[in-house]
Amino acid sequence: MKFYKILIAFFLMSTTLFGCSKGTDKKESKYADALTVLQEAANAYSEEERFSIAGGDMEHAVMDAPGKFDISKKEELISVLHISETMFNDIEDCATMVHMMNANTFSAGAFRLKDGSDVNRFADDWINELSNVQWMCGQPETLLIVQVDDQYVIVAYGIDELIQVFKKNVQTLNNASVLSEKPIAQ
């Protein structure tokens, strides 16, 4: 009799535990990686809206398209997108697209964040980091932060006209929502 009670208790506990674990699963994303997110945003541009871009890191640069950025190249990523050291703890994957003539004219990065990362803290950290930059070769006017599919955060800065076009195109992505859009203090 004791054996059956133990077996029933074990069965009830195991089904309860398995039932609880389903609530912690990460939502599935339509996008395989950060590069796919930026590629779809770039593909949404009309012919009139397009401008010359480059993507990726220096070693694996891509012309006229977004590119995958090796997140182990911290110093390079800091100089391109002004990511702070502490933000690297949240980043799992990255892709970039930058204006060919001047990064201050337009720069964008898509990041897949690690499970458990606080999206709002990540966004606030980036805004704080960007507000402390000493700009050379012209100051960008506007910053934009968009969340996509609960797994990706897109950050962008540049002249307002290009940011507005980018925002319109990014909002065509699956479950895209603007977290922040504001002028960059001068």
Protein backbone atom coordinates (compact mmCIF):
# COMPACT_ATOMS: atom_id res chain seq x y z
CA MET A 1 0.00 0.00 0.00
CA LYS A 2 2.86 2.37 0.87
CA PHE A 3 4.36 1.70 -2.55
CA TYR A 4 1.18 2.85 -4.33
CA LYS A 5 0.95 6.02 -2.22
CA ILE A 6 4.56 6.88 -3.05
CA LEU A 7 3.96 6.15 -6.74
CA ILE A 8 0.86 8.38 -6.80
CA ALA A 9 2.70 11.16 -4.94
CA PHE A 10 5.58 10.93 -7.40
CA PHE A 11 3.18 11.03 -10.34
CA LEU A 12 1.38 14.11 -8.97
CA MET A 13 4.65 15.91 -8.23
CA SER A 14 6.15 15.18 -11.63
CA THR A 15 3.08 16.36 -13.54
CA THR A 16 2.97 19.51 -11.41
CA LEU A 17 6.63 20.24 -12.06
CA PHE A 18 6.32 19.65 -15.80
CA GLY A 19 3.24 21.86 -15.89
CA CYS A 20 5.11 24.70 -14.18
CA SER A 21 8.01 24.62 -16.58
CA LYS A 22 5.83 25.47 -19.55
CA GLY A 23 5.28 28.99 -18.20
CA THR A 24 8.99 29.83 -18.40
CA ASP A 25 9.55 28.92 -22.06
CA LYS A 26 10.87 31.72 -24.22
CA LYS A 27 8.42 32.81 -26.90
CA GLU A 28 9.30 31.68 -30.38
CA SER A 29 10.42 34.39 -32.75
CA LYS A 30 9.74 34.66 -36.44
CA TYR A 31 13.39 35.69 -36.85
CA ALA A 32 16.32 33.27 -36.79
CA ASP A 33 18.84 35.89 -35.71
CA ALA A 34 19.57 39.61 -35.41
CA LEU A 35 20.76 39.77 -39.02
CA THR A 36 17.39 38.50 -40.28
CA VAL A 37 15.67 41.26 -38.29
CA LEU A 38 17.75 44.03 -39.91
CA GLN A 39 17.55 42.43 -43.37
CA GLU A 40 13.75 42.45 -43.23
CA ALA A 41 13.78 46.09 -42.12
CA ALA A 42 16.15 46.99 -44.99
CA ASN A 43 13.99 45.05 -47.45
CA ALA A 44 10.98 47.19 -46.46
CA TYR A 45 12.67 50.34 -47.85
CA SER A 46 11.30 51.69 -51.11
CA GLU A 47 13.77 52.52 -53.89
CA GLU A 48 13.47 56.25 -53.08
CA GLU A 49 14.19 55.66 -49.37
CA ARG A 50 17.39 53.62 -49.87
CA PHE A 51 20.84 54.98 -49.12
CA SER A 52 24.31 53.43 -49.18
CA ILE A 53 24.88 51.23 -46.14
CA ALA A 54 27.45 48.80 -44.85
CA GLY A 55 26.93 46.15 -42.23
CA GLY A 56 28.80 43.84 -39.91
CA ASP A 57 32.16 44.22 -38.25
CA MET A 58 35.38 45.34 -39.98
CA GLU A 59 36.61 41.80 -40.58
CA HIS A 60 33.33 40.63 -42.13
CA ALA A 61 32.00 43.87 -43.62
CA VAL A 62 29.09 43.68 -46.07
CA MET A 63 28.38 46.40 -48.62
CA ASP A 64 24.83 47.60 -49.39
CA ALA A 65 23.23 45.34 -46.77
CA PRO A 66 23.07 44.77 -43.04
CA GLY A 67 25.74 42.43 -41.71
CA LYS A 68 26.34 40.13 -38.76
CA PHE A 69 28.56 41.65 -36.08
CA ASP A 70 30.88 39.44 -34.04
CA ILE A 71 30.03 40.41 -30.44
CA SER A 72 33.46 39.32 -29.24
CA LYS A 73 34.78 42.49 -30.94
CA LYS A 74 33.70 44.65 -27.99
CA GLU A 75 35.86 47.71 -28.70
CA GLU A 76 34.62 47.89 -32.28
CA LEU A 77 30.98 47.51 -31.25
CA ILE A 78 31.42 50.19 -28.58
CA SER A 79 32.80 52.61 -31.18
CA VAL A 80 30.06 51.86 -33.75
CA LEU A 81 26.92 51.69 -31.61
CA HIS A 82 28.12 53.11 -28.29
CA ILE A 83 27.23 50.02 -26.28
CA SER A 84 28.50 50.08 -22.70
CA GLU A 85 30.60 47.29 -21.21
CA THR A 86 27.75 46.28 -18.89
CA MET A 87 25.34 45.87 -21.82
CA PHE A 88 27.48 43.04 -23.25
CA ASN A 89 26.20 40.76 -20.50
CA ASP A 90 22.75 40.91 -22.11
CA ILE A 91 23.75 40.46 -25.76
CA GLU A 92 23.57 37.07 -27.46
CA ASP A 93 23.68 38.10 -31.13
CA CYS A 94 24.14 41.33 -33.11
CA ALA A 95 23.83 42.78 -36.61
CA THR A 96 24.45 46.33 -37.84
CA MET A 97 23.73 48.69 -40.70
CA VAL A 98 25.55 52.00 -40.96
CA HIS A 99 25.44 54.89 -43.44
CA MET A 100 28.45 54.58 -45.78
CA MET A 101 29.38 58.27 -45.68
CA ASN A 102 29.03 59.04 -41.98
CA ALA A 103 27.96 56.80 -39.10
CA ASN A 104 26.44 59.84 -37.35
CA THR A 105 24.08 60.28 -40.30
CA PHE A 106 22.58 56.85 -39.58
CA SER A 107 23.61 53.80 -37.54
CA ALA A 108 21.47 50.89 -36.39
CA GLY A 109 22.03 47.65 -34.55
CA ALA A 110 19.77 44.72 -33.80
CA PHE A 111 20.48 42.66 -30.70
CA ARG A 112 19.04 39.36 -29.58
CA LEU A 113 19.05 39.56 -25.81
CA LYS A 114 19.79 36.63 -23.52
CA ASP A 115 16.96 35.01 -21.57
CA GLY A 116 16.16 37.00 -18.45
CA SER A 117 17.57 40.29 -19.76
CA ASP A 118 15.63 43.40 -18.81
CA VAL A 119 14.75 45.15 -22.08
CA ASN A 120 13.90 48.46 -20.41
CA ARG A 121 17.19 48.51 -18.47
CA PHE A 122 19.06 47.70 -21.71
CA ALA A 123 17.28 50.60 -23.45
CA ASP A 124 17.95 53.00 -20.57
CA ASP A 125 21.63 52.00 -20.45
CA TRP A 126 21.99 52.69 -24.18
CA ILE A 127 20.27 56.08 -23.91
CA ASN A 128 22.61 57.02 -21.04
CA GLU A 129 25.65 55.82 -22.97
CA LEU A 130 24.62 57.72 -26.11
CA SER A 131 24.01 60.93 -24.15
CA ASN A 132 27.66 60.95 -23.04
CA VAL A 133 29.20 60.64 -26.51
CA GLN A 134 31.40 63.46 -27.76
CA TRP A 135 30.37 63.59 -31.42
CA MET A 136 32.78 64.29 -34.25
CA CYS A 137 31.82 64.95 -37.89
CA GLY A 138 28.29 66.13 -37.07
CA GLN A 139 25.92 65.21 -34.32
CA PRO A 140 23.00 62.83 -34.86
CA GLU A 141 19.60 64.33 -34.13
CA THR A 142 17.40 61.46 -32.97
CA LEU A 143 17.67 58.09 -31.24
CA LEU A 144 15.22 55.23 -31.63
CA ILE A 145 14.77 51.97 -29.73
CA VAL A 146 12.36 49.29 -30.96
CA GLN A 147 11.57 45.88 -29.51
CA VAL A 148 10.76 43.05 -31.93
CA ASP A 149 9.24 39.67 -30.97
CA ASP A 150 10.18 40.05 -27.28
CA GLN A 151 13.70 38.79 -28.13
CA TYR A 152 15.27 41.56 -30.18
CA VAL A 153 16.06 45.18 -29.50
CA ILE A 154 16.91 47.54 -32.34
CA VAL A 155 18.79 50.73 -31.54
CA ALA A 156 19.34 53.49 -34.10
CA TYR A 157 20.61 57.04 -34.18
CA GLY A 158 21.07 59.62 -36.92
CA ILE A 159 19.48 62.53 -38.66
CA ASP A 160 15.77 62.70 -37.95
CA GLU A 161 14.64 62.21 -41.55
CA LEU A 162 16.48 58.87 -41.87
CA ILE A 163 15.36 57.74 -38.40
CA GLN A 164 11.70 58.39 -39.31
CA VAL A 165 11.99 56.32 -42.49
CA PHE A 166 13.77 53.55 -40.58
CA LYS A 167 11.08 53.61 -37.87
CA LYS A 168 8.33 53.27 -40.48
CA ASN A 169 10.09 50.28 -42.03
CA VAL A 170 10.99 48.62 -38.72
CA GLN A 171 7.37 48.83 -37.62
CA THR A 172 6.49 46.42 -40.46
CA LEU A 173 8.37 43.70 -38.54
CA ASN A 174 6.57 41.08 -36.47
CA ASN A 175 5.48 42.41 -33.04
CA ALA A 176 7.54 45.61 -33.35
CA SER A 177 6.93 48.31 -30.76
CA VAL A 178 8.75 51.58 -30.17
CA LEU A 179 10.29 51.69 -26.69
CA SER A 180 11.85 55.13 -27.01
CA GLU A 181 12.31 57.90 -29.53
CA LYS A 182 13.86 61.20 -28.55
CA PRO A 183 16.17 63.95 -29.68
CA ILE A 184 19.83 63.56 -28.81
CA ALA A 185 20.79 66.40 -26.48
CA GLN A 186 23.25 68.90 -27.93
